[in-house]
Amino acid sequence: MSLSASELYEVGLSLPPSVRKDIALRLLESIEVADQDSVDKDWATEIGSRVDDILSGKVETIPHDEVMARLAERRAARHAARQQASR
């Protein structure tokens, strides 16, 4: 006997909450594993493309010290704005 998605859902609702939770998590994990392979492949493609862009000179990287300085400036500006707003 094969159940439709609606029938399976209705039968599932009759189960105790702890069992429903276990089944739901197991079903979700089965999807996430399948999707993770696709995500990993897409990320590998994207990373490869970005590395190629850097090596070809199409894009230029920003030195770590400069990135950190910019972040510190933004953080200080947000802090000052919050201080000003609280006055």
N, C-alpha and C. Protein backbone atom coordinates (compact mmCIF):
# COMPACT_ATOMS: atom_id res chain seq x y z
N MET A 1 0.84 -1.19 0.00
CA MET A 1 0.00 0.00 0.00
C MET A 1 0.88 1.24 0.00
N SER A 2 0.55 2.20 -0.81
CA SER A 2 1.30 3.44 -0.91
C SER A 2 0.42 4.60 -0.47
N LEU A 3 0.97 5.47 0.36
CA LEU A 3 0.22 6.63 0.84
C LEU A 3 0.61 7.87 0.07
N SER A 4 -0.37 8.74 -0.16
CA SER A 4 -0.06 10.04 -0.74
C SER A 4 0.55 10.91 0.35
N ALA A 5 1.11 12.03 -0.04
CA ALA A 5 1.71 12.95 0.94
C ALA A 5 0.66 13.39 1.96
N SER A 6 -0.55 13.68 1.50
CA SER A 6 -1.62 14.11 2.41
C SER A 6 -2.00 13.01 3.38
N GLU A 7 -2.09 11.78 2.87
CA GLU A 7 -2.43 10.65 3.74
C GLU A 7 -1.34 10.41 4.77
N LEU A 8 -0.10 10.47 4.34
CA LEU A 8 1.02 10.30 5.26
C LEU A 8 1.00 11.37 6.34
N TYR A 9 0.72 12.60 5.94
CA TYR A 9 0.64 13.70 6.89
C TYR A 9 -0.45 13.43 7.92
N GLU A 10 -1.62 13.03 7.46
CA GLU A 10 -2.74 12.76 8.37
C GLU A 10 -2.41 11.63 9.33
N VAL A 11 -1.79 10.57 8.83
CA VAL A 11 -1.40 9.46 9.70
C VAL A 11 -0.35 9.95 10.70
N GLY A 12 0.59 10.75 10.23
CA GLY A 12 1.63 11.28 11.10
C GLY A 12 1.08 12.10 12.24
N LEU A 13 0.02 12.84 11.98
CA LEU A 13 -0.57 13.66 13.03
C LEU A 13 -1.14 12.83 14.18
N SER A 14 -1.43 11.58 13.92
CA SER A 14 -1.98 10.73 14.98
C SER A 14 -0.88 10.18 15.90
N LEU A 15 0.36 10.38 15.54
CA LEU A 15 1.48 9.89 16.34
C LEU A 15 1.75 10.83 17.51
N PRO A 16 2.37 10.30 18.58
CA PRO A 16 2.74 11.17 19.70
C PRO A 16 3.74 12.25 19.25
N PRO A 17 3.72 13.41 19.88
CA PRO A 17 4.61 14.50 19.48
C PRO A 17 6.08 14.11 19.39
N SER A 18 6.59 13.32 20.33
CA SER A 18 8.01 12.96 20.29
C SER A 18 8.34 12.11 19.06
N VAL A 19 7.42 11.26 18.66
CA VAL A 19 7.63 10.42 17.47
C VAL A 19 7.55 11.29 16.22
N ARG A 20 6.59 12.20 16.18
CA ARG A 20 6.47 13.12 15.02
C ARG A 20 7.75 13.93 14.86
N LYS A 21 8.28 14.41 15.99
CA LYS A 21 9.50 15.21 15.94
C LYS A 21 10.65 14.37 15.40
N ASP A 22 10.79 13.15 15.88
CA ASP A 22 11.86 12.27 15.42
C ASP A 22 11.75 12.02 13.92
N ILE A 23 10.55 11.71 13.46
CA ILE A 23 10.34 11.44 12.03
C ILE A 23 10.62 12.70 11.21
N ALA A 24 10.14 13.84 11.68
CA ALA A 24 10.35 15.10 10.96
C ALA A 24 11.84 15.41 10.83
N LEU A 25 12.58 15.24 11.92
CA LEU A 25 14.01 15.51 11.88
C LEU A 25 14.74 14.55 10.95
N ARG A 26 14.35 13.29 10.98
CA ARG A 26 14.99 12.30 10.11
C ARG A 26 14.68 12.60 8.64
N LEU A 27 13.45 12.99 8.35
CA LEU A 27 13.11 13.35 6.97
C LEU A 27 13.88 14.59 6.52
N LEU A 28 13.98 15.58 7.40
CA LEU A 28 14.72 16.80 7.08
C LEU A 28 16.19 16.50 6.85
N GLU A 29 16.78 15.66 7.68
CA GLU A 29 18.18 15.27 7.49
C GLU A 29 18.40 14.60 6.15
N SER A 30 17.43 13.79 5.72
CA SER A 30 17.59 13.11 4.43
C SER A 30 17.61 14.10 3.28
N ILE A 31 16.90 15.18 3.42
CA ILE A 31 16.89 16.23 2.39
C ILE A 31 18.16 17.05 2.46
N GLU A 32 18.57 17.42 3.68
CA GLU A 32 19.76 18.25 3.85
C GLU A 32 21.01 17.56 3.33
N VAL A 33 21.11 16.25 3.52
CA VAL A 33 22.28 15.52 3.03
C VAL A 33 22.32 15.59 1.52
N ALA A 34 21.18 15.36 0.88
CA ALA A 34 21.12 15.41 -0.58
C ALA A 34 21.43 16.81 -1.08
N ASP A 35 20.87 17.80 -0.42
CA ASP A 35 21.09 19.19 -0.83
C ASP A 35 22.53 19.63 -0.55
N GLN A 36 23.15 19.09 0.49
CA GLN A 36 24.50 19.51 0.85
C GLN A 36 25.48 19.18 -0.26
N ASP A 37 25.30 18.05 -0.92
CA ASP A 37 26.18 17.70 -2.03
C ASP A 37 26.10 18.74 -3.13
N SER A 38 24.89 19.18 -3.43
CA SER A 38 24.69 20.21 -4.45
C SER A 38 25.29 21.54 -4.01
N VAL A 39 25.09 21.88 -2.74
CA VAL A 39 25.64 23.13 -2.20
C VAL A 39 27.16 23.09 -2.26
N ASP A 40 27.75 21.97 -1.85
CA ASP A 40 29.20 21.84 -1.88
C ASP A 40 29.74 22.00 -3.30
N LYS A 41 29.07 21.40 -4.26
CA LYS A 41 29.50 21.50 -5.66
C LYS A 41 29.41 22.95 -6.14
N ASP A 42 28.31 23.61 -5.82
CA ASP A 42 28.14 25.01 -6.23
C ASP A 42 29.19 25.91 -5.59
N TRP A 43 29.49 25.68 -4.30
CA TRP A 43 30.52 26.48 -3.62
C TRP A 43 31.89 26.25 -4.24
N ALA A 44 32.19 25.00 -4.57
CA ALA A 44 33.49 24.70 -5.19
C ALA A 44 33.62 25.43 -6.51
N THR A 45 32.54 25.46 -7.29
CA THR A 45 32.54 26.19 -8.56
C THR A 45 32.74 27.68 -8.33
N GLU A 46 32.02 28.23 -7.36
CA GLU A 46 32.12 29.67 -7.06
C GLU A 46 33.52 30.03 -6.57
N ILE A 47 34.07 29.22 -5.68
CA ILE A 47 35.41 29.49 -5.16
C ILE A 47 36.43 29.44 -6.28
N GLY A 48 36.30 28.44 -7.15
CA GLY A 48 37.21 28.34 -8.29
C GLY A 48 37.15 29.56 -9.17
N SER A 49 35.93 30.05 -9.41
CA SER A 49 35.74 31.24 -10.23
C SER A 49 36.38 32.47 -9.58
N ARG A 50 36.21 32.60 -8.28
CA ARG A 50 36.79 33.75 -7.57
C ARG A 50 38.31 33.69 -7.57
N VAL A 51 38.87 32.50 -7.38
CA VAL A 51 40.32 32.34 -7.41
C VAL A 51 40.84 32.71 -8.81
N ASP A 52 40.15 32.23 -9.83
CA ASP A 52 40.54 32.57 -11.21
C ASP A 52 40.53 34.08 -11.42
N ASP A 53 39.50 34.76 -10.91
CA ASP A 53 39.41 36.21 -11.05
C ASP A 53 40.57 36.92 -10.36
N ILE A 54 40.97 36.42 -9.21
CA ILE A 54 42.10 37.02 -8.48
C ILE A 54 43.39 36.78 -9.26
N LEU A 55 43.61 35.55 -9.66
CA LEU A 55 44.87 35.22 -10.35
C LEU A 55 45.00 35.92 -11.70
N SER A 56 43.87 36.17 -12.36
CA SER A 56 43.92 36.83 -13.66
C SER A 56 44.03 38.35 -13.54
N GLY A 57 43.82 38.87 -12.32
CA GLY A 57 43.88 40.31 -12.12
C GLY A 57 42.55 40.99 -12.37
N LYS A 58 41.52 40.21 -12.65
CA LYS A 58 40.18 40.78 -12.89
C LYS A 58 39.67 41.50 -11.65
N VAL A 59 39.99 40.97 -10.48
CA VAL A 59 39.65 41.64 -9.22
C VAL A 59 40.91 41.78 -8.39
N GLU A 60 40.88 42.75 -7.50
CA GLU A 60 42.03 43.00 -6.64
C GLU A 60 41.62 42.78 -5.18
N THR A 61 42.45 42.08 -4.45
CA THR A 61 42.14 41.83 -3.04
C THR A 61 42.50 43.05 -2.20
N ILE A 62 41.95 43.09 -1.00
CA ILE A 62 42.23 44.17 -0.06
C ILE A 62 43.06 43.56 1.07
N PRO A 63 44.18 44.18 1.41
CA PRO A 63 45.01 43.65 2.49
C PRO A 63 44.25 43.56 3.81
N HIS A 64 44.57 42.55 4.59
CA HIS A 64 43.91 42.30 5.86
C HIS A 64 43.91 43.52 6.77
N ASP A 65 45.04 44.18 6.90
CA ASP A 65 45.14 45.34 7.78
C ASP A 65 44.17 46.44 7.36
N GLU A 66 44.01 46.62 6.05
CA GLU A 66 43.09 47.65 5.56
C GLU A 66 41.64 47.27 5.86
N VAL A 67 41.30 46.01 5.66
CA VAL A 67 39.95 45.54 5.97
C VAL A 67 39.65 45.76 7.44
N MET A 68 40.57 45.38 8.30
CA MET A 68 40.36 45.52 9.74
C MET A 68 40.24 46.99 10.14
N ALA A 69 41.02 47.87 9.51
CA ALA A 69 40.93 49.30 9.80
C ALA A 69 39.57 49.85 9.39
N ARG A 70 39.10 49.45 8.22
CA ARG A 70 37.77 49.90 7.77
C ARG A 70 36.67 49.43 8.72
N LEU A 71 36.77 48.17 9.16
CA LEU A 71 35.78 47.65 10.10
C LEU A 71 35.82 48.40 11.42
N ALA A 72 37.00 48.71 11.89
CA ALA A 72 37.14 49.47 13.14
C ALA A 72 36.51 50.85 13.00
N GLU A 73 36.70 51.48 11.85
CA GLU A 73 36.10 52.80 11.61
C GLU A 73 34.58 52.71 11.62
N ARG A 74 34.04 51.72 10.95
CA ARG A 74 32.58 51.55 10.92
C ARG A 74 32.02 51.29 12.31
N ARG A 75 32.72 50.42 13.06
CA ARG A 75 32.29 50.11 14.42
C ARG A 75 32.30 51.36 15.28
N ALA A 76 33.34 52.15 15.17
CA ALA A 76 33.45 53.39 15.95
C ALA A 76 32.34 54.36 15.56
N ALA A 77 32.04 54.45 14.27
CA ALA A 77 30.98 55.36 13.81
C ALA A 77 29.62 54.90 14.35
N ARG A 78 29.36 53.60 14.33
CA ARG A 78 28.08 53.09 14.87
C ARG A 78 27.99 53.36 16.37
N HIS A 79 29.09 53.15 17.06
CA HIS A 79 29.12 53.38 18.50
C HIS A 79 28.86 54.86 18.80
N ALA A 80 29.51 55.74 18.05
CA ALA A 80 29.31 57.18 18.26
C ALA A 80 27.87 57.57 17.96
N ALA A 81 27.28 56.98 16.91
CA ALA A 81 25.90 57.30 16.56
C ALA A 81 24.95 56.84 17.68
N ARG A 82 25.22 55.67 18.23
CA ARG A 82 24.38 55.18 19.34
C ARG A 82 24.52 56.08 20.57
N GLN A 83 25.73 56.51 20.83
CA GLN A 83 25.98 57.38 21.98
C GLN A 83 25.23 58.70 21.79
N GLN A 84 25.28 59.23 20.57
CA GLN A 84 24.61 60.50 20.26
C GLN A 84 23.10 60.34 20.39
N ALA A 85 22.57 59.23 19.92
CA ALA A 85 21.13 58.99 19.96
C ALA A 85 20.63 58.81 21.39
N SER A 86 21.46 58.32 22.25
CA SER A 86 21.01 58.07 23.66
C SER A 86 21.07 59.32 24.52
N ARG A 87 21.58 60.40 23.98
CA ARG A 87 21.68 61.65 24.76
C ARG A 87 20.43 62.44 24.69
